[in-house]
Amino acid sequence: MKLTTITAAVLLTAGAALAGEVAPKDVAFNGGAIEASLTGAPGDAAAGAKIMTTRSLGNCIACHEVTALKDAPFHGEVGPSLDGTGSRWSEAELRGIVVNAKMTFEGTVMPAFYKVDGFNRAGDGYTGKAAPADFPPILTAQQIEDVVAFLVTLKD
């Protein structure tokens, strides 16, 4: 009986935590900005720095230089330097850029890190083996908040 009660409590708690998370298709843009947190929880700047330097996650430094992350190898030069982004952009604007930069910068090659639809699937036209219809976002809502928390620390 205790196991059932504990299991139910864990499931209810997990459900409540997820209930506050905004799904990728439900993100509300205001211009290119996203005013509200995607999770309702603050981001962790240290975790954001890790996401930005981890190849299997955001890997932001593959395209951008970030002086604060100088210990990470192979900073890119495709995108602009991210130094001073916390002085140039608001938290809401940074959130919007990370979620889907095309909402702010039309034609950018920066990937949308919290998008799950609207992709071109050329596989069917050429091989008949297109990727599955549902893609998960590159980053979770909390990972987006963590990256934004780090970016706002980058002041001039």
N, C-alpha and C. Protein backbone atom coordinates (compact mmCIF):
# COMPACT_ATOMS: atom_id res chain seq x y z
N MET A 1 0.81 -1.20 0.00
CA MET A 1 0.00 0.00 0.00
C MET A 1 0.86 1.26 0.00
N LYS A 2 1.95 1.25 0.77
CA LYS A 2 2.83 2.42 0.81
C LYS A 2 3.45 2.67 -0.57
N LEU A 3 3.83 1.60 -1.25
CA LEU A 3 4.43 1.74 -2.56
C LEU A 3 3.45 2.42 -3.52
N THR A 4 2.19 2.03 -3.47
CA THR A 4 1.18 2.63 -4.33
C THR A 4 0.99 4.11 -4.00
N THR A 5 0.96 4.45 -2.74
CA THR A 5 0.80 5.84 -2.33
C THR A 5 2.00 6.68 -2.76
N ILE A 6 3.19 6.14 -2.57
CA ILE A 6 4.41 6.84 -2.97
C ILE A 6 4.44 7.01 -4.48
N THR A 7 4.12 5.96 -5.21
CA THR A 7 4.11 6.02 -6.67
C THR A 7 3.13 7.08 -7.15
N ALA A 8 1.95 7.12 -6.57
CA ALA A 8 0.94 8.11 -6.96
C ALA A 8 1.43 9.52 -6.66
N ALA A 9 2.06 9.71 -5.52
CA ALA A 9 2.58 11.03 -5.16
C ALA A 9 3.65 11.48 -6.14
N VAL A 10 4.53 10.57 -6.53
CA VAL A 10 5.59 10.89 -7.49
C VAL A 10 4.98 11.26 -8.84
N LEU A 11 4.02 10.49 -9.30
CA LEU A 11 3.38 10.77 -10.58
C LEU A 11 2.64 12.11 -10.56
N LEU A 12 1.95 12.41 -9.48
CA LEU A 12 1.24 13.69 -9.38
C LEU A 12 2.22 14.86 -9.36
N THR A 13 3.32 14.70 -8.64
CA THR A 13 4.33 15.75 -8.58
C THR A 13 4.96 15.97 -9.95
N ALA A 14 5.31 14.88 -10.63
CA ALA A 14 5.90 14.99 -11.97
C ALA A 14 4.91 15.63 -12.93
N GLY A 15 3.66 15.25 -12.85
CA GLY A 15 2.64 15.83 -13.71
C GLY A 15 2.46 17.31 -13.46
N ALA A 16 2.51 17.72 -12.22
CA ALA A 16 2.37 19.13 -11.88
C ALA A 16 3.56 19.93 -12.41
N ALA A 17 4.75 19.34 -12.34
CA ALA A 17 5.93 20.03 -12.85
C ALA A 17 5.84 20.20 -14.36
N LEU A 18 5.37 19.17 -15.05
CA LEU A 18 5.26 19.24 -16.49
C LEU A 18 4.10 20.15 -16.92
N ALA A 19 3.08 20.28 -16.10
CA ALA A 19 1.93 21.09 -16.45
C ALA A 19 2.32 22.55 -16.65
N GLY A 20 3.35 23.02 -15.96
CA GLY A 20 3.80 24.40 -16.08
C GLY A 20 4.69 24.63 -17.28
N GLU A 21 5.13 23.60 -17.95
CA GLU A 21 6.04 23.73 -19.08
C GLU A 21 5.25 24.04 -20.35
N VAL A 22 5.74 24.98 -21.12
CA VAL A 22 5.11 25.35 -22.38
C VAL A 22 5.61 24.40 -23.47
N ALA A 23 4.70 23.76 -24.18
CA ALA A 23 5.06 22.85 -25.27
C ALA A 23 5.57 23.66 -26.45
N PRO A 24 6.45 23.09 -27.28
CA PRO A 24 7.00 23.83 -28.42
C PRO A 24 5.93 24.45 -29.32
N LYS A 25 4.84 23.76 -29.56
CA LYS A 25 3.79 24.30 -30.44
C LYS A 25 2.96 25.39 -29.76
N ASP A 26 3.09 25.55 -28.44
CA ASP A 26 2.31 26.53 -27.69
C ASP A 26 3.09 27.79 -27.32
N VAL A 27 4.32 27.90 -27.79
CA VAL A 27 5.14 29.06 -27.46
C VAL A 27 4.52 30.31 -28.08
N ALA A 28 4.38 31.37 -27.27
CA ALA A 28 3.79 32.62 -27.72
C ALA A 28 4.89 33.66 -27.95
N PHE A 29 5.09 34.03 -29.20
CA PHE A 29 6.07 35.05 -29.55
C PHE A 29 5.42 36.43 -29.53
N ASN A 30 6.16 37.42 -29.08
CA ASN A 30 5.76 38.82 -29.14
C ASN A 30 6.81 39.48 -30.02
N GLY A 31 6.54 39.55 -31.32
CA GLY A 31 7.59 39.89 -32.27
C GLY A 31 8.51 38.68 -32.31
N GLY A 32 9.76 38.85 -31.99
CA GLY A 32 10.66 37.71 -31.89
C GLY A 32 10.91 37.28 -30.46
N ALA A 33 10.35 38.02 -29.50
CA ALA A 33 10.61 37.76 -28.08
C ALA A 33 9.58 36.79 -27.49
N ILE A 34 10.00 36.11 -26.43
CA ILE A 34 9.10 35.25 -25.64
C ILE A 34 9.17 35.78 -24.22
N GLU A 35 8.12 36.45 -23.78
CA GLU A 35 8.12 37.13 -22.50
C GLU A 35 8.18 36.18 -21.31
N ALA A 36 7.40 35.11 -21.35
CA ALA A 36 7.27 34.22 -20.19
C ALA A 36 8.26 33.06 -20.28
N SER A 37 8.73 32.65 -19.13
CA SER A 37 9.58 31.47 -19.03
C SER A 37 8.86 30.26 -19.60
N LEU A 38 9.59 29.38 -20.23
CA LEU A 38 8.99 28.16 -20.78
C LEU A 38 8.69 27.14 -19.70
N THR A 39 9.28 27.31 -18.53
CA THR A 39 9.13 26.32 -17.45
C THR A 39 8.51 26.89 -16.19
N GLY A 40 8.56 28.19 -16.01
CA GLY A 40 8.13 28.80 -14.76
C GLY A 40 9.20 28.71 -13.70
N ALA A 41 10.33 28.10 -14.04
CA ALA A 41 11.46 27.97 -13.10
C ALA A 41 12.63 28.77 -13.65
N PRO A 42 13.45 29.33 -12.79
CA PRO A 42 14.61 30.07 -13.28
C PRO A 42 15.63 29.15 -13.93
N GLY A 43 16.37 29.70 -14.87
CA GLY A 43 17.43 28.94 -15.51
C GLY A 43 18.68 28.93 -14.64
N ASP A 44 19.55 27.99 -14.91
CA ASP A 44 20.82 27.82 -14.21
C ASP A 44 21.94 28.20 -15.18
N ALA A 45 22.60 29.33 -14.93
CA ALA A 45 23.63 29.83 -15.85
C ALA A 45 24.77 28.84 -16.04
N ALA A 46 25.18 28.15 -14.99
CA ALA A 46 26.27 27.17 -15.11
C ALA A 46 25.85 26.02 -16.02
N ALA A 47 24.63 25.56 -15.87
CA ALA A 47 24.12 24.50 -16.75
C ALA A 47 24.02 25.02 -18.18
N GLY A 48 23.64 26.29 -18.36
CA GLY A 48 23.57 26.89 -19.68
C GLY A 48 24.91 26.92 -20.37
N ALA A 49 25.96 27.26 -19.62
CA ALA A 49 27.31 27.27 -20.20
C ALA A 49 27.70 25.87 -20.65
N LYS A 50 27.34 24.86 -19.87
CA LYS A 50 27.64 23.47 -20.24
C LYS A 50 26.89 23.07 -21.51
N ILE A 51 25.63 23.45 -21.61
CA ILE A 51 24.83 23.14 -22.80
C ILE A 51 25.46 23.79 -24.04
N MET A 52 25.93 25.02 -23.87
CA MET A 52 26.50 25.76 -25.00
C MET A 52 27.80 25.16 -25.51
N THR A 53 28.47 24.38 -24.69
CA THR A 53 29.75 23.80 -25.08
C THR A 53 29.69 22.29 -25.31
N THR A 54 28.54 21.69 -25.16
CA THR A 54 28.39 20.25 -25.30
C THR A 54 27.88 19.91 -26.69
N ARG A 55 28.65 19.13 -27.44
CA ARG A 55 28.30 18.81 -28.82
C ARG A 55 26.94 18.16 -28.97
N SER A 56 26.55 17.31 -28.05
CA SER A 56 25.28 16.59 -28.18
C SER A 56 24.09 17.43 -27.73
N LEU A 57 24.34 18.65 -27.27
CA LEU A 57 23.25 19.53 -26.82
C LEU A 57 23.20 20.76 -27.72
N GLY A 58 23.37 21.94 -27.15
CA GLY A 58 23.27 23.16 -27.93
C GLY A 58 24.46 23.40 -28.84
N ASN A 59 25.67 23.15 -28.30
CA ASN A 59 26.91 23.33 -29.05
C ASN A 59 26.99 24.71 -29.71
N CYS A 60 26.57 25.73 -29.01
CA CYS A 60 26.53 27.09 -29.54
C CYS A 60 27.90 27.57 -30.01
N ILE A 61 28.95 27.11 -29.33
CA ILE A 61 30.28 27.60 -29.69
C ILE A 61 30.78 27.02 -31.01
N ALA A 62 30.05 26.09 -31.60
CA ALA A 62 30.42 25.62 -32.93
C ALA A 62 30.30 26.76 -33.94
N CYS A 63 29.41 27.69 -33.68
CA CYS A 63 29.18 28.82 -34.59
C CYS A 63 29.55 30.17 -33.99
N HIS A 64 29.50 30.29 -32.67
CA HIS A 64 29.71 31.58 -32.00
C HIS A 64 30.95 31.55 -31.12
N GLU A 65 31.60 32.69 -31.02
CA GLU A 65 32.70 32.87 -30.07
C GLU A 65 32.11 33.43 -28.78
N VAL A 66 32.59 32.90 -27.64
CA VAL A 66 32.17 33.38 -26.34
C VAL A 66 33.42 33.43 -25.46
N THR A 67 33.89 34.63 -25.19
CA THR A 67 35.12 34.79 -24.41
C THR A 67 35.01 34.13 -23.04
N ALA A 68 33.84 34.20 -22.42
CA ALA A 68 33.65 33.60 -21.09
C ALA A 68 33.80 32.08 -21.12
N LEU A 69 33.73 31.49 -22.30
CA LEU A 69 33.88 30.03 -22.44
C LEU A 69 35.18 29.70 -23.15
N LYS A 70 36.22 30.51 -22.93
CA LYS A 70 37.48 30.36 -23.65
C LYS A 70 38.17 29.02 -23.43
N ASP A 71 37.84 28.32 -22.33
CA ASP A 71 38.45 27.02 -22.08
C ASP A 71 37.89 25.93 -22.98
N ALA A 72 36.73 26.16 -23.58
CA ALA A 72 36.15 25.20 -24.51
C ALA A 72 36.80 25.38 -25.87
N PRO A 73 37.18 24.28 -26.52
CA PRO A 73 37.88 24.40 -27.81
C PRO A 73 36.93 24.68 -28.97
N PHE A 74 37.51 25.16 -30.06
CA PHE A 74 36.85 25.27 -31.36
C PHE A 74 35.68 26.23 -31.41
N HIS A 75 35.89 27.48 -31.05
CA HIS A 75 34.85 28.49 -31.19
C HIS A 75 34.67 28.81 -32.67
N GLY A 76 33.43 28.95 -33.08
CA GLY A 76 33.13 29.19 -34.49
C GLY A 76 33.13 30.65 -34.85
N GLU A 77 33.08 30.89 -36.15
CA GLU A 77 33.05 32.24 -36.68
C GLU A 77 31.89 32.43 -37.66
N VAL A 78 30.95 31.49 -37.68
CA VAL A 78 29.80 31.57 -38.59
C VAL A 78 28.82 32.62 -38.08
N GLY A 79 28.52 32.56 -36.79
CA GLY A 79 27.61 33.52 -36.18
C GLY A 79 28.39 34.61 -35.47
N PRO A 80 27.69 35.63 -35.03
CA PRO A 80 28.37 36.72 -34.32
C PRO A 80 28.87 36.28 -32.95
N SER A 81 29.83 37.02 -32.44
CA SER A 81 30.30 36.78 -31.08
C SER A 81 29.13 37.00 -30.12
N LEU A 82 29.06 36.19 -29.10
CA LEU A 82 27.99 36.33 -28.11
C LEU A 82 28.41 37.20 -26.92
N ASP A 83 29.64 37.69 -26.94
CA ASP A 83 30.10 38.60 -25.89
C ASP A 83 29.17 39.83 -25.85
N GLY A 84 28.68 40.19 -24.69
CA GLY A 84 27.84 41.36 -24.52
C GLY A 84 26.37 41.16 -24.87
N THR A 85 25.95 39.91 -25.13
CA THR A 85 24.55 39.70 -25.50
C THR A 85 23.59 40.11 -24.38
N GLY A 86 24.01 39.95 -23.14
CA GLY A 86 23.17 40.34 -22.02
C GLY A 86 22.96 41.84 -21.93
N SER A 87 23.83 42.62 -22.56
CA SER A 87 23.67 44.07 -22.61
C SER A 87 22.86 44.51 -23.83
N ARG A 88 22.91 43.73 -24.90
CA ARG A 88 22.23 44.11 -26.14
C ARG A 88 20.80 43.63 -26.24
N TRP A 89 20.49 42.51 -25.59
CA TRP A 89 19.18 41.88 -25.74
C TRP A 89 18.55 41.67 -24.37
N SER A 90 17.24 41.75 -24.29
CA SER A 90 16.53 41.45 -23.04
C SER A 90 16.45 39.93 -22.88
N GLU A 91 16.08 39.50 -21.70
CA GLU A 91 15.90 38.06 -21.46
C GLU A 91 14.84 37.50 -22.40
N ALA A 92 13.75 38.21 -22.60
CA ALA A 92 12.67 37.74 -23.49
C ALA A 92 13.16 37.63 -24.93
N GLU A 93 13.97 38.60 -25.37
CA GLU A 93 14.51 38.54 -26.73
C GLU A 93 15.48 37.39 -26.89
N LEU A 94 16.33 37.18 -25.89
CA LEU A 94 17.27 36.06 -25.95
C LEU A 94 16.53 34.72 -25.98
N ARG A 95 15.48 34.60 -25.18
CA ARG A 95 14.68 33.37 -25.16
C ARG A 95 14.10 33.12 -26.56
N GLY A 96 13.57 34.16 -27.18
CA GLY A 96 13.01 34.02 -28.52
C GLY A 96 14.04 33.62 -29.54
N ILE A 97 15.24 34.18 -29.46
CA ILE A 97 16.31 33.85 -30.40
C ILE A 97 16.74 32.40 -30.24
N VAL A 98 16.88 31.93 -29.01
CA VAL A 98 17.29 30.55 -28.80
C VAL A 98 16.18 29.57 -29.22
N VAL A 99 14.95 29.90 -28.91
CA VAL A 99 13.83 29.02 -29.29
C VAL A 99 13.73 28.92 -30.80
N ASN A 100 13.70 30.06 -31.51
CA ASN A 100 13.61 30.06 -32.96
C ASN A 100 14.11 31.40 -33.48
N ALA A 101 15.38 31.45 -33.84
CA ALA A 101 16.02 32.69 -34.28
C ALA A 101 15.38 33.27 -35.53
N LYS A 102 14.72 32.45 -36.33
CA LYS A 102 14.10 32.94 -37.55
C LYS A 102 12.94 33.90 -37.28
N MET A 103 12.42 33.89 -36.07
CA MET A 103 11.37 34.84 -35.71
C MET A 103 11.93 36.25 -35.53
N THR A 104 13.24 36.36 -35.30
CA THR A 104 13.90 37.65 -35.14
C THR A 104 14.76 37.98 -36.36
N PHE A 105 15.49 36.99 -36.86
CA PHE A 105 16.42 37.18 -37.97
C PHE A 105 16.01 36.29 -39.14
N GLU A 106 15.17 36.83 -40.01
CA GLU A 106 14.69 36.07 -41.16
C GLU A 106 15.90 35.63 -42.00
N GLY A 107 15.91 34.37 -42.39
CA GLY A 107 16.97 33.86 -43.23
C GLY A 107 18.21 33.37 -42.49
N THR A 108 18.21 33.45 -41.16
CA THR A 108 19.37 32.97 -40.42
C THR A 108 19.55 31.47 -40.59
N VAL A 109 20.78 31.01 -40.45
CA VAL A 109 21.04 29.57 -40.51
C VAL A 109 21.04 28.95 -39.11
N MET A 110 20.85 29.77 -38.09
CA MET A 110 20.82 29.25 -36.72
C MET A 110 19.62 28.31 -36.56
N PRO A 111 19.85 27.14 -36.00
CA PRO A 111 18.73 26.21 -35.81
C PRO A 111 17.75 26.70 -34.76
N ALA A 112 16.51 26.27 -34.91
CA ALA A 112 15.48 26.53 -33.90
C ALA A 112 15.62 25.42 -32.86
N PHE A 113 15.98 25.77 -31.65
CA PHE A 113 16.28 24.77 -30.63
C PHE A 113 15.05 24.24 -29.90
N TYR A 114 13.88 24.85 -30.14
CA TYR A 114 12.67 24.39 -29.45
C TYR A 114 11.51 24.39 -30.44
N LYS A 115 11.70 23.65 -31.52
CA LYS A 115 10.72 23.57 -32.59
C LYS A 115 10.52 22.10 -32.93
N VAL A 116 9.29 21.72 -33.24
CA VAL A 116 9.01 20.31 -33.53
C VAL A 116 8.26 20.09 -34.84
N ASP A 117 7.95 21.16 -35.56
CA ASP A 117 7.20 20.98 -36.80
C ASP A 117 7.67 21.98 -37.86
N GLY A 118 7.14 21.80 -39.08
CA GLY A 118 7.49 22.71 -40.17
C GLY A 118 8.80 22.40 -40.86
N PHE A 119 9.29 21.17 -40.73
CA PHE A 119 10.54 20.78 -41.35
C PHE A 119 10.29 20.23 -42.75
N ASN A 120 11.24 20.43 -43.65
CA ASN A 120 11.18 19.81 -44.97
C ASN A 120 11.78 18.42 -44.87
N ARG A 121 11.04 17.44 -45.38
CA ARG A 121 11.52 16.07 -45.33
C ARG A 121 11.76 15.56 -46.75
N ALA A 122 12.94 15.81 -47.24
CA ALA A 122 13.26 15.46 -48.62
C ALA A 122 13.40 13.95 -48.82
N GLY A 123 13.55 13.19 -47.77
CA GLY A 123 13.76 11.75 -47.89
C GLY A 123 12.71 11.03 -48.70
N ASP A 124 11.43 11.39 -48.53
CA ASP A 124 10.38 10.70 -49.28
C ASP A 124 10.53 10.94 -50.78
N GLY A 125 10.90 12.15 -51.16
CA GLY A 125 11.04 12.46 -52.58
C GLY A 125 12.22 11.77 -53.23
N TYR A 126 13.23 11.45 -52.46
CA TYR A 126 14.44 10.88 -53.05
C TYR A 126 14.65 9.42 -52.69
N THR A 127 14.32 9.03 -51.48
CA THR A 127 14.60 7.66 -51.06
C THR A 127 13.36 6.93 -50.57
N GLY A 128 12.30 7.67 -50.27
CA GLY A 128 11.11 7.05 -49.68
C GLY A 128 11.30 6.73 -48.22
N LYS A 129 12.37 7.25 -47.61
CA LYS A 129 12.68 6.94 -46.21
C LYS A 129 12.85 8.23 -45.41
N ALA A 130 11.82 9.04 -45.41
CA ALA A 130 11.90 10.29 -44.66
C ALA A 130 11.96 10.02 -43.17
N ALA A 131 12.49 10.99 -42.46
CA ALA A 131 12.53 10.88 -40.99
C ALA A 131 11.11 10.80 -40.46
N PRO A 132 10.94 10.28 -39.26
CA PRO A 132 9.59 10.20 -38.68
C PRO A 132 8.94 11.58 -38.60
N ALA A 133 7.63 11.60 -38.60
CA ALA A 133 6.89 12.86 -38.61
C ALA A 133 7.14 13.71 -37.38
N ASP A 134 7.33 13.11 -36.24
CA ASP A 134 7.50 13.86 -35.01
C ASP A 134 8.96 13.89 -34.58
N PHE A 135 9.53 15.08 -34.58
CA PHE A 135 10.88 15.29 -34.07
C PHE A 135 10.77 15.90 -32.68
N PRO A 136 11.60 15.48 -31.75
CA PRO A 136 11.63 16.19 -30.47
C PRO A 136 12.43 17.48 -30.66
N PRO A 137 12.24 18.46 -29.81
CA PRO A 137 13.07 19.67 -29.92
C PRO A 137 14.53 19.33 -29.60
N ILE A 138 15.44 20.15 -30.09
CA ILE A 138 16.87 19.93 -29.85
C ILE A 138 17.16 20.06 -28.36
N LEU A 139 16.59 21.09 -27.73
CA LEU A 139 16.76 21.32 -26.29
C LEU A 139 15.41 21.27 -25.60
N THR A 140 15.41 20.89 -24.34
CA THR A 140 14.19 20.91 -23.54
C THR A 140 13.89 22.35 -23.12
N ALA A 141 12.71 22.56 -22.60
CA ALA A 141 12.34 23.88 -22.12
C ALA A 141 13.29 24.36 -21.02
N GLN A 142 13.67 23.47 -20.11
CA GLN A 142 14.58 23.87 -19.03
C GLN A 142 15.96 24.17 -19.58
N GLN A 143 16.41 23.42 -20.56
CA GLN A 143 17.71 23.71 -21.17
C GLN A 143 17.71 25.07 -21.86
N ILE A 144 16.59 25.43 -22.48
CA ILE A 144 16.47 26.76 -23.09
C ILE A 144 16.62 27.82 -22.00
N GLU A 145 15.92 27.64 -20.88
CA GLU A 145 15.99 28.60 -19.78
C GLU A 145 17.41 28.69 -19.21
N ASP A 146 18.12 27.56 -19.17
CA ASP A 146 19.49 27.55 -18.68
C ASP A 146 20.41 28.34 -19.61
N VAL A 147 20.27 28.14 -20.92
CA VAL A 147 21.08 28.88 -21.89
C VAL A 147 20.79 30.37 -21.79
N VAL A 148 19.53 30.74 -21.69
CA VAL A 148 19.16 32.15 -21.56
C VAL A 148 19.76 32.73 -20.27
N ALA A 149 19.72 31.98 -19.18
CA ALA A 149 20.30 32.44 -17.92
C ALA A 149 21.79 32.72 -18.07
N PHE A 150 22.48 31.92 -18.84
CA PHE A 150 23.90 32.17 -19.09
C PHE A 150 24.08 33.39 -20.00
N LEU A 151 23.32 33.47 -21.06
CA LEU A 151 23.48 34.57 -22.01
C LEU A 151 23.25 35.94 -21.37
N VAL A 152 22.31 36.03 -20.43
CA VAL A 152 22.07 37.34 -19.80
C VAL A 152 23.24 37.76 -18.90
N THR A 153 24.12 36.83 -18.54
CA THR A 153 25.29 37.19 -17.74
C THR A 153 26.40 37.81 -18.60
N LEU A 154 26.30 37.69 -19.90
CA LEU A 154 27.35 38.18 -20.80
C LEU A 154 27.14 39.68 -21.05
N LYS A 155 27.68 40.48 -20.16
CA LYS A 155 27.52 41.94 -20.23
C LYS A 155 28.79 42.58 -20.80
N ASP A 156 28.60 43.76 -21.41
CA ASP A 156 29.76 44.53 -21.90
C ASP A 156 30.55 45.10 -20.75
